[in-house]
Amino acid sequence: MTRDELYNFWRFEETFPFSGWDFAHLDGRWEQEPLPWDFYAEVQRRLHYADQLLEVDTGGAFLLSLRHPYENTAATETWGPNVESYRNELAPLGIHVEECDAAEEPLPFADNAFDVAFCRHGAYRADELLRVLRPGGVFLTEQVGGRNNALLARRLLRDYRPPCPEHHLSADCEAFAQAGFEVLDAKEYFPKLRFYDTGALVYYAHMIEWEFPGFSVDRCTQELFALECELAERGYVESMEHRYLIAARKPAK
């Protein structure tokens, strides 16, 4: 492509519609390194048929994939439009759905209500989880850490500052311990993320705006041309993600 053609390609990707946390537009254009753990399996092996289950900041599909008895299942969601969507999808099955900003508000459930709770890439308060779990109950979370895509963001944005540098494994483990949990398991990993065309990178950076604050094609044109040259030589542009997993238990007494 000529420089003008590349620029127009990037502008097209920057304005391509995105909804529902669906990255199908990038199919075949990027590759994410698998994590060394399976969060689905981590939840399943601690979950028994009769348990009361809570998902904090639900994604809907993951919760349903567990196939836990619906009458023993509850979920919270933060964003209003998603609450309505999940109520329409989950409530008719018997799953109790509540609107709640779990990072800021008390969970709308009684003390000692759940045997297992989990949160994947959402927000929560450790003290509230301790309250709603039964003695011996377990909470599991997989989180996106504060170093996620930071190396790539620095290459695109000259004045880049990490938005959540405090978000990492040791800080969260300490928060659980201070709340009164026993940390059972803690794992951290930095998987590679590769883009096979710079248009895919533009689309991604525009959608994940909190990790690429202030990104735009016009602002980052020269940096994008430099990455296009790198891609021509290597076949991809690489980023580094940041993930961690924690399993914590409320003391039995």
Protein backbone atom coordinates (compact mmCIF):
# COMPACT_ATOMS: atom_id res chain seq x y z
CA MET A 1 0.00 0.00 0.00
CA THR A 2 1.02 3.59 -0.50
CA ARG A 3 1.17 5.89 2.53
CA ASP A 4 -2.16 7.43 1.56
CA GLU A 5 -3.73 4.00 1.16
CA LEU A 6 -2.42 2.93 4.57
CA TYR A 7 -3.75 6.07 6.20
CA ASN A 8 -7.20 5.55 4.67
CA PHE A 9 -7.12 1.90 5.76
CA TRP A 10 -6.37 2.94 9.33
CA ARG A 11 -9.14 5.55 9.30
CA PHE A 12 -11.59 2.88 8.11
CA GLU A 13 -10.54 0.58 10.98
CA GLU A 14 -10.78 3.43 13.48
CA THR A 15 -14.44 4.00 12.59
CA PHE A 16 -15.50 0.36 12.13
CA PRO A 17 -18.45 -0.40 14.46
CA PHE A 18 -17.92 -2.42 17.63
CA SER A 19 -20.52 -3.84 20.02
CA GLY A 20 -21.08 -6.55 22.59
CA TRP A 21 -17.41 -7.17 23.33
CA ASP A 22 -17.21 -9.09 20.06
CA PHE A 23 -13.83 -9.08 18.29
CA ALA A 24 -14.94 -11.18 15.31
CA HIS A 25 -13.71 -8.37 13.04
CA LEU A 26 -10.16 -9.41 13.99
CA ASP A 27 -10.55 -13.12 13.17
CA GLY A 28 -7.39 -14.31 11.42
CA ARG A 29 -5.72 -10.94 11.96
CA TRP A 30 -4.39 -11.42 15.47
CA GLU A 31 -3.24 -14.21 17.77
CA GLN A 32 -3.41 -14.43 21.56
CA GLU A 33 -1.06 -16.79 23.38
CA PRO A 34 -3.06 -19.23 25.56
CA LEU A 35 -2.90 -18.84 29.31
CA PRO A 36 -1.23 -21.61 31.34
CA TRP A 37 -4.48 -22.12 33.27
CA ASP A 38 -8.12 -22.75 32.34
CA PHE A 39 -10.41 -20.51 34.37
CA TYR A 40 -13.46 -22.59 33.46
CA ALA A 41 -11.76 -25.68 34.90
CA GLU A 42 -10.64 -23.73 37.98
CA VAL A 43 -14.25 -22.81 38.75
CA GLN A 44 -15.70 -26.22 37.87
CA ARG A 45 -13.41 -28.20 40.14
CA ARG A 46 -14.47 -26.16 43.18
CA LEU A 47 -18.18 -26.16 42.35
CA HIS A 48 -20.62 -28.83 43.54
CA TYR A 49 -24.13 -29.44 42.29
CA ALA A 50 -25.91 -28.17 45.41
CA ASP A 51 -23.71 -25.07 45.86
CA GLN A 52 -25.11 -21.56 45.73
CA LEU A 53 -23.13 -19.77 42.98
CA LEU A 54 -22.57 -16.07 42.34
CA GLU A 55 -20.90 -14.40 39.35
CA VAL A 56 -19.83 -10.80 39.95
CA ASP A 57 -19.89 -8.63 36.79
CA THR A 58 -21.43 -11.36 34.67
CA GLY A 59 -20.69 -12.01 31.04
CA GLY A 60 -23.71 -14.24 30.65
CA ALA A 61 -22.26 -16.85 28.30
CA PHE A 62 -19.52 -18.03 30.67
CA LEU A 63 -22.01 -18.42 33.51
CA LEU A 64 -24.34 -20.50 31.33
CA SER A 65 -21.45 -22.66 30.13
CA LEU A 66 -20.97 -23.93 33.70
CA ARG A 67 -24.43 -25.55 33.51
CA HIS A 68 -24.94 -25.08 37.23
CA PRO A 69 -28.55 -25.45 38.45
CA TYR A 70 -30.20 -22.17 37.55
CA GLU A 71 -32.18 -21.97 40.78
CA ASN A 72 -28.85 -22.02 42.69
CA THR A 73 -27.27 -19.29 40.58
CA ALA A 74 -27.13 -15.48 40.86
CA ALA A 75 -25.27 -12.72 39.03
CA THR A 76 -24.55 -9.00 39.22
CA GLU A 77 -23.93 -6.56 36.38
CA THR A 78 -22.77 -2.95 36.52
CA TRP A 79 -23.88 -1.36 33.27
CA GLY A 80 -27.60 -0.60 32.92
CA PRO A 81 -28.15 -1.71 29.29
CA ASN A 82 -26.40 -5.01 30.02
CA VAL A 83 -28.53 -5.53 33.13
CA GLU A 84 -31.67 -5.43 31.01
CA SER A 85 -30.12 -7.74 28.43
CA TYR A 86 -28.98 -10.28 31.03
CA ARG A 87 -32.32 -10.17 32.85
CA ASN A 88 -34.05 -10.98 29.56
CA GLU A 89 -31.58 -13.80 28.91
CA LEU A 90 -30.94 -15.28 32.35
CA ALA A 91 -33.92 -14.47 34.56
CA PRO A 92 -36.40 -16.61 32.55
CA LEU A 93 -34.13 -19.58 33.27
CA GLY A 94 -34.36 -18.96 37.00
CA ILE A 95 -31.04 -17.13 37.47
CA HIS A 96 -31.30 -14.15 39.82
CA VAL A 97 -29.76 -11.01 38.25
CA GLU A 98 -29.10 -7.81 40.19
CA GLU A 99 -27.78 -4.42 39.07
CA CYS A 100 -24.79 -3.48 41.21
CA ASP A 101 -21.47 -1.68 40.87
CA ALA A 102 -19.55 -4.32 42.80
CA ALA A 103 -16.44 -2.15 43.06
CA GLU A 104 -18.34 0.63 44.86
CA GLU A 105 -21.57 -0.75 46.33
CA PRO A 106 -22.50 -3.48 48.82
CA LEU A 107 -23.54 -6.66 47.09
CA PRO A 108 -27.37 -6.96 47.19
CA PHE A 109 -27.35 -10.35 48.91
CA ALA A 110 -27.63 -11.63 52.47
CA ASP A 111 -24.68 -12.63 54.63
CA ASN A 112 -23.40 -16.19 54.09
CA ALA A 113 -25.50 -16.66 50.95
CA PHE A 114 -23.05 -18.38 48.58
CA ASP A 115 -20.67 -21.32 48.53
CA VAL A 116 -18.72 -20.22 45.45
CA ALA A 117 -18.34 -16.82 43.79
CA PHE A 118 -16.24 -15.78 40.82
CA CYS A 119 -15.40 -12.74 38.73
CA ARG A 120 -13.66 -12.79 35.36
CA HIS A 121 -12.13 -9.46 34.31
CA GLY A 122 -14.59 -7.50 36.46
CA ALA A 123 -14.40 -5.42 39.63
CA TYR A 124 -15.24 -6.34 43.21
CA ARG A 125 -14.70 -5.57 46.90
CA ALA A 126 -12.96 -8.25 48.93
CA ASP A 127 -14.80 -7.30 52.13
CA GLU A 128 -18.21 -7.73 50.47
CA LEU A 129 -17.23 -11.09 49.02
CA LEU A 130 -16.19 -12.24 52.49
CA ARG A 131 -19.60 -11.16 53.83
CA VAL A 132 -21.75 -12.97 51.24
CA LEU A 133 -19.71 -16.19 51.19
CA ARG A 134 -20.49 -18.96 53.65
CA PRO A 135 -17.72 -20.14 55.99
CA GLY A 136 -15.37 -22.22 53.84
CA GLY A 137 -16.72 -20.59 50.67
CA VAL A 138 -14.35 -19.86 47.79
CA PHE A 139 -13.93 -16.84 45.50
CA LEU A 140 -12.03 -17.11 42.21
CA THR A 141 -10.99 -14.33 39.89
CA GLU A 142 -9.04 -13.90 36.69
CA GLN A 143 -7.93 -10.32 36.18
CA VAL A 144 -6.34 -8.12 33.54
CA GLY A 145 -3.28 -6.61 35.18
CA GLY A 146 -2.01 -3.05 35.06
CA ARG A 147 0.81 -3.89 32.64
CA ASN A 148 -1.59 -5.14 29.97
CA ASN A 149 -0.52 -3.77 26.54
CA ALA A 150 1.65 -1.16 28.26
CA LEU A 151 4.70 -1.79 26.05
CA LEU A 152 2.69 -1.30 22.87
CA ALA A 153 0.87 1.73 24.27
CA ARG A 154 4.24 3.38 24.97
CA ARG A 155 5.23 2.85 21.34
CA LEU A 156 2.07 4.57 20.12
CA LEU A 157 1.66 7.34 22.71
CA ARG A 158 4.66 9.48 23.62
CA ASP A 159 3.09 10.72 26.88
CA TYR A 160 1.67 7.36 27.93
CA ARG A 161 1.08 6.74 31.63
CA PRO A 162 -0.24 3.34 32.84
CA PRO A 163 -3.88 3.83 33.91
CA CYS A 164 -3.84 1.23 36.74
CA PRO A 165 -0.24 0.52 37.82
CA GLU A 166 -1.46 -0.73 41.21
CA HIS A 167 -3.47 -3.53 39.61
CA HIS A 168 -1.25 -6.60 40.04
CA LEU A 169 -1.15 -9.97 41.75
CA SER A 170 0.66 -9.13 44.97
CA ALA A 171 -1.55 -6.09 45.69
CA ASP A 172 -4.74 -8.11 45.24
CA CYS A 173 -3.43 -10.99 47.35
CA GLU A 174 -2.65 -8.51 50.11
CA ALA A 175 -6.16 -7.05 49.85
CA PHE A 176 -7.71 -10.51 50.23
CA ALA A 177 -5.51 -11.28 53.23
CA GLN A 178 -6.42 -7.98 54.89
CA ALA A 179 -10.13 -8.67 54.30
CA GLY A 180 -9.79 -11.99 56.14
CA PHE A 181 -9.46 -14.48 53.28
CA GLU A 182 -6.99 -17.34 53.01
CA VAL A 183 -5.31 -17.21 49.59
CA LEU A 184 -5.33 -20.74 48.17
CA ASP A 185 -3.75 -20.12 44.76
CA ALA A 186 -2.14 -17.20 42.96
CA LYS A 187 -0.77 -17.24 39.41
CA GLU A 188 0.45 -14.55 37.04
CA TYR A 189 1.38 -14.63 33.35
CA PHE A 190 2.35 -12.26 30.56
CA PRO A 191 1.07 -13.78 27.29
CA LYS A 192 2.06 -12.44 23.88
CA LEU A 193 -0.49 -10.77 21.63
CA ARG A 194 0.37 -10.47 17.92
CA PHE A 195 -1.27 -8.35 15.23
CA TYR A 196 -0.77 -9.44 11.63
CA ASP A 197 -1.81 -6.13 10.08
CA THR A 198 -1.67 -2.62 11.49
CA GLY A 199 -5.34 -2.04 10.74
CA ALA A 200 -6.18 -4.72 13.30
CA LEU A 201 -3.98 -2.92 15.81
CA VAL A 202 -5.80 0.38 15.11
CA TYR A 203 -9.20 -1.22 15.57
CA TYR A 204 -8.10 -2.80 18.86
CA ALA A 205 -6.44 0.33 20.27
CA HIS A 206 -9.48 2.42 19.41
CA MET A 207 -11.84 -0.03 21.15
CA ILE A 208 -9.66 -0.54 24.25
CA GLU A 209 -9.42 3.20 24.78
CA TRP A 210 -8.63 2.96 28.53
CA GLU A 211 -5.39 1.11 27.72
CA PHE A 212 -4.49 3.46 24.85
CA PRO A 213 -5.71 6.80 26.25
CA GLY A 214 -5.84 9.51 23.62
CA PHE A 215 -5.08 7.16 20.73
CA SER A 216 -6.20 8.21 17.27
CA VAL A 217 -4.86 7.64 13.77
CA ASP A 218 -4.23 11.35 13.32
CA ARG A 219 -2.36 11.67 16.61
CA CYS A 220 -0.28 8.51 16.13
CA THR A 221 0.28 8.50 12.34
CA GLN A 222 4.08 8.49 12.45
CA GLU A 223 4.17 5.79 15.12
CA LEU A 224 1.82 3.65 13.02
CA PHE A 225 4.05 4.02 9.97
CA ALA A 226 7.01 2.88 12.09
CA LEU A 227 5.05 -0.17 13.25
CA GLU A 228 4.03 -0.90 9.64
CA CYS A 229 7.74 -1.05 8.73
CA GLU A 230 8.35 -3.45 11.61
CA LEU A 231 5.45 -5.62 10.52
CA ALA A 232 6.83 -5.77 6.98
CA GLU A 233 10.10 -7.14 8.38
CA ARG A 234 8.80 -9.49 11.11
CA GLY A 235 5.34 -10.37 9.87
CA TYR A 236 3.62 -9.07 13.00
CA VAL A 237 3.55 -6.39 15.69
CA GLU A 238 3.75 -7.80 19.19
CA SER A 239 2.19 -6.66 22.43
CA MET A 240 2.37 -8.16 25.92
CA GLU A 241 -0.73 -8.84 27.97
CA HIS A 242 -0.95 -9.23 31.74
CA ARG A 243 -3.20 -11.77 33.47
CA TYR A 244 -3.42 -13.18 36.97
CA LEU A 245 -5.60 -15.66 38.82
CA ILE A 246 -6.47 -15.83 42.52
CA ALA A 247 -8.46 -18.40 44.50
CA ALA A 248 -9.28 -17.33 48.07
CA ARG A 249 -11.29 -19.02 50.82
CA LYS A 250 -13.34 -17.59 53.66
CA PRO A 251 -12.21 -19.25 56.92
CA ALA A 252 -14.47 -22.07 58.06
CA LYS A 253 -14.79 -20.48 61.50
